[in-house]
Amino acid sequence: MRSSPPLNAELGFTELVFSDLLRYRPNERPSWRGVATRCLVLPGMLASILIRAQQCLYRSGHVRLAHLLRTAGTVLLSVDFLPGMQIGPGLLIAHPMGVAIGGGLTIGANVTILQGVTAGTRTPDGTQPQEFATICDGAIICANATLVGGVRIGANAQVGANSVVLSDVADDAVVFGVPARQIGVRDAAAEGMQAPHSAA
């Protein structure tokens, strides 16, 4: 079984943003000019800047500023990123609208999240301990999928659109449905796991 995602606490804001840019343009030399250009046409790149700034602020103890960026994300992009997430390099939020992910979420490297994804706790009223999902390296979470509680999404797994995940997903598994059940296996070599998102 593959290991859970690294926390990548040593990576700074610039390194994290540039790693996200490479998901869109893997053959482009990362630069802030390139980031600015992509932000004009890719809302996902703007979402990456917000979530990375929030991540670094929270990590350095600036919790209130991180919460202010949560509000900024909601106003600008209709996303809700709660402070406290641990996110590895190479995050791709292809269509960020409607994404709502909790503060205890752990995300590995080169993860793809599509529009409308929700990752939250089983008990949002706070009456029980708050547990959030762990999404391992190379996983894809498709549109409007919901991850409930402390589930583990295995490395290179894919969660189908509109699925509700209530239990752990194995490495390389493809799951779909309500509740989500395994319907296949994802072949990273055949699909080209690191292929860039087809956006302008």
Protein backbone atom coordinates (compact mmCIF):
# COMPACT_ATOMS: atom_id res chain seq x y z
CA MET A 1 0.00 0.00 0.00
CA ARG A 2 1.28 3.45 -0.86
CA SER A 3 1.97 5.89 1.93
CA SER A 4 -0.24 8.79 2.91
CA PRO A 5 0.64 12.17 1.40
CA PRO A 6 3.59 14.12 2.79
CA LEU A 7 2.80 17.36 4.56
CA ASN A 8 5.38 19.37 2.56
CA ALA A 9 5.68 21.86 5.41
CA GLU A 10 9.08 22.93 4.09
CA LEU A 11 7.72 24.32 0.81
CA GLY A 12 7.20 28.08 0.65
CA PHE A 13 4.46 30.10 -1.03
CA THR A 14 6.33 30.62 -4.30
CA GLU A 15 7.32 26.96 -4.62
CA LEU A 16 3.75 25.84 -4.00
CA VAL A 17 2.22 28.27 -6.49
CA PHE A 18 4.79 27.39 -9.14
CA SER A 19 4.13 23.67 -8.60
CA ASP A 20 0.44 24.33 -9.26
CA LEU A 21 1.26 26.31 -12.41
CA LEU A 22 3.17 23.29 -13.74
CA ARG A 23 -0.02 21.23 -13.63
CA TYR A 24 -1.43 23.54 -16.31
CA ARG A 25 1.79 24.15 -18.23
CA PRO A 26 4.29 21.34 -17.49
CA ASN A 27 6.73 22.49 -20.15
CA GLU A 28 6.74 26.13 -19.11
CA ARG A 29 9.44 27.60 -16.90
CA PRO A 30 7.55 28.83 -13.80
CA SER A 31 7.57 32.57 -13.19
CA TRP A 32 5.31 35.11 -11.53
CA ARG A 33 4.64 36.59 -14.96
CA GLY A 34 3.39 33.19 -16.07
CA VAL A 35 1.23 32.91 -12.97
CA ALA A 36 -0.28 36.36 -13.58
CA THR A 37 -1.00 35.51 -17.21
CA ARG A 38 -2.72 32.26 -16.30
CA CYS A 39 -4.83 33.98 -13.65
CA LEU A 40 -6.42 36.08 -16.41
CA VAL A 41 -7.83 32.99 -18.15
CA LEU A 42 -7.77 30.21 -15.52
CA PRO A 43 -9.89 30.73 -12.39
CA GLY A 44 -8.24 27.61 -10.97
CA MET A 45 -4.87 29.37 -10.93
CA LEU A 46 -6.36 32.25 -8.96
CA ALA A 47 -7.89 29.70 -6.58
CA SER A 48 -4.43 28.16 -6.14
CA ILE A 49 -2.94 31.52 -5.15
CA LEU A 50 -5.68 32.04 -2.56
CA ILE A 51 -5.42 28.57 -1.06
CA ARG A 52 -1.60 28.65 -0.99
CA ALA A 53 -1.54 32.07 0.67
CA GLN A 54 -4.08 30.84 3.19
CA GLN A 55 -2.07 27.67 3.79
CA CYS A 56 1.18 29.57 4.41
CA LEU A 57 -0.44 32.21 6.60
CA TYR A 58 -2.12 29.59 8.77
CA ARG A 59 1.10 27.62 9.05
CA SER A 60 2.98 30.71 10.24
CA GLY A 61 0.36 31.52 12.88
CA HIS A 62 -1.55 34.27 11.03
CA VAL A 63 -4.91 32.58 11.53
CA ARG A 64 -7.09 35.69 11.24
CA LEU A 65 -5.53 36.65 7.92
CA ALA A 66 -6.09 33.11 6.68
CA HIS A 67 -9.77 33.44 7.57
CA LEU A 68 -9.94 36.75 5.70
CA LEU A 69 -8.69 34.94 2.60
CA ARG A 70 -11.46 32.39 3.09
CA THR A 71 -13.95 35.25 2.71
CA ALA A 72 -12.05 36.62 -0.29
CA GLY A 73 -12.29 33.25 -2.00
CA THR A 74 -16.01 33.08 -1.39
CA VAL A 75 -16.59 36.54 -2.83
CA LEU A 76 -14.24 36.23 -5.83
CA LEU A 77 -14.67 32.61 -6.89
CA SER A 78 -17.61 31.12 -4.96
CA VAL A 79 -15.25 28.73 -3.16
CA ASP A 80 -15.01 27.97 0.55
CA PHE A 81 -11.51 26.98 1.68
CA LEU A 82 -11.36 26.66 5.46
CA PRO A 83 -7.98 27.46 7.03
CA GLY A 84 -5.88 24.59 8.36
CA MET A 85 -5.58 22.31 5.33
CA GLN A 86 -2.28 20.57 4.58
CA ILE A 87 -1.74 20.45 0.84
CA GLY A 88 1.16 19.02 -1.15
CA PRO A 89 2.57 20.45 -4.39
CA GLY A 90 0.89 20.36 -7.78
CA LEU A 91 -2.73 21.03 -6.80
CA LEU A 92 -5.06 21.50 -9.77
CA ILE A 93 -8.51 22.93 -9.13
CA ALA A 94 -9.64 22.94 -12.73
CA HIS A 95 -13.02 24.64 -12.22
CA PRO A 96 -13.11 26.02 -8.68
CA MET A 97 -16.71 27.22 -8.49
CA GLY A 98 -18.63 25.63 -5.64
CA VAL A 99 -15.67 23.81 -4.07
CA ALA A 100 -16.03 23.63 -0.27
CA ILE A 101 -13.27 21.86 1.67
CA GLY A 102 -12.71 21.68 5.40
CA GLY A 103 -9.82 22.91 7.46
CA GLY A 104 -8.62 19.48 8.58
CA LEU A 105 -8.23 18.14 5.04
CA THR A 106 -4.90 16.57 4.01
CA ILE A 107 -4.04 16.54 0.30
CA GLY A 108 -1.02 14.90 -1.31
CA ALA A 109 0.91 15.82 -4.45
CA ASN A 110 -0.58 16.28 -7.93
CA VAL A 111 -4.19 15.99 -6.83
CA THR A 112 -7.00 17.19 -9.13
CA ILE A 113 -10.24 18.61 -7.76
CA LEU A 114 -13.14 19.59 -10.01
CA GLN A 115 -16.10 21.90 -9.54
CA GLY A 116 -18.60 21.51 -6.73
CA VAL A 117 -16.51 19.12 -4.63
CA THR A 118 -17.29 19.09 -0.91
CA ALA A 119 -15.03 17.55 1.75
CA GLY A 120 -16.39 17.94 5.25
CA THR A 121 -17.12 16.22 8.54
CA ARG A 122 -19.83 13.72 9.39
CA THR A 123 -21.14 16.00 12.15
CA PRO A 124 -21.01 19.63 10.99
CA ASP A 125 -22.70 20.83 14.18
CA GLY A 126 -19.50 20.06 16.12
CA THR A 127 -21.08 17.62 18.58
CA GLN A 128 -18.44 14.98 17.81
CA PRO A 129 -14.72 15.09 16.96
CA GLN A 130 -14.12 16.67 13.56
CA GLU A 131 -12.52 14.31 11.04
CA PHE A 132 -11.62 15.26 7.50
CA ALA A 133 -10.56 13.29 4.45
CA THR A 134 -7.04 12.41 3.38
CA ILE A 135 -6.54 12.58 -0.39
CA CYS A 136 -3.36 10.80 -1.48
CA ASP A 137 -0.98 11.54 -4.35
CA GLY A 138 -2.38 11.67 -7.88
CA ALA A 139 -6.04 11.27 -6.92
CA ILE A 140 -8.83 12.86 -8.97
CA ILE A 141 -12.03 14.04 -7.33
CA CYS A 142 -14.63 14.66 -10.04
CA ALA A 143 -17.43 17.21 -10.19
CA ASN A 144 -19.86 17.48 -7.28
CA ALA A 145 -18.37 14.55 -5.38
CA THR A 146 -18.73 14.62 -1.59
CA LEU A 147 -16.17 13.20 0.85
CA VAL A 148 -17.72 12.59 4.27
CA GLY A 149 -15.58 12.44 7.41
CA GLY A 150 -12.12 10.96 7.79
CA VAL A 151 -12.08 8.80 4.67
CA ARG A 152 -8.86 8.01 2.82
CA ILE A 153 -8.81 8.46 -0.95
CA GLY A 154 -5.98 6.23 -2.11
CA ALA A 155 -3.07 7.20 -4.32
CA ASN A 156 -4.08 7.57 -7.99
CA ALA A 157 -7.72 6.82 -7.17
CA GLN A 158 -10.61 8.51 -8.95
CA VAL A 159 -13.92 9.49 -7.38
CA GLY A 160 -16.68 9.80 -9.98
CA ALA A 161 -18.95 12.78 -10.45
CA ASN A 162 -21.80 13.18 -7.93
CA SER A 163 -20.47 10.33 -5.77
CA VAL A 164 -20.75 10.32 -1.99
CA VAL A 165 -17.72 8.70 -0.33
CA LEU A 166 -18.49 7.25 3.11
CA SER A 167 -15.59 4.77 3.40
CA ASP A 168 -11.95 4.47 2.33
CA VAL A 169 -11.06 4.21 -1.35
CA ALA A 170 -8.20 1.88 -2.31
CA ASP A 171 -5.14 2.98 -4.26
CA ASP A 172 -5.83 3.12 -8.04
CA ALA A 173 -9.54 2.43 -7.54
CA VAL A 174 -12.30 4.10 -9.55
CA VAL A 175 -15.43 4.60 -7.45
CA PHE A 176 -18.86 5.90 -8.32
CA GLY A 177 -22.32 6.19 -6.85
CA VAL A 178 -24.22 6.97 -3.66
CA PRO A 179 -22.67 5.59 -1.60
CA ALA A 180 -19.53 5.27 -3.73
CA ARG A 181 -18.52 1.74 -4.72
CA GLN A 182 -15.55 0.52 -6.73
CA ILE A 183 -16.34 0.04 -10.40
CA GLY A 184 -12.85 -0.29 -11.84
CA VAL A 185 -9.12 0.35 -11.57
CA ARG A 186 -7.27 3.37 -12.89
CA ASP A 187 -4.14 2.76 -14.94
CA ALA A 188 -1.95 5.83 -14.43
CA ALA A 189 0.51 4.82 -17.15
CA ALA A 190 -2.22 4.45 -19.76
CA GLU A 191 -4.11 7.60 -18.79
CA GLY A 192 -1.07 9.83 -18.32
CA MET A 193 -1.63 10.83 -14.71
CA GLN A 194 0.51 13.94 -15.04
CA ALA A 195 -1.08 15.18 -18.24
CA PRO A 196 -1.88 18.90 -18.11
CA HIS A 197 -5.42 20.17 -17.86
CA SER A 198 -6.76 21.19 -21.27
CA ALA A 199 -7.29 24.86 -20.65
CA ALA A 200 -6.17 28.02 -22.34
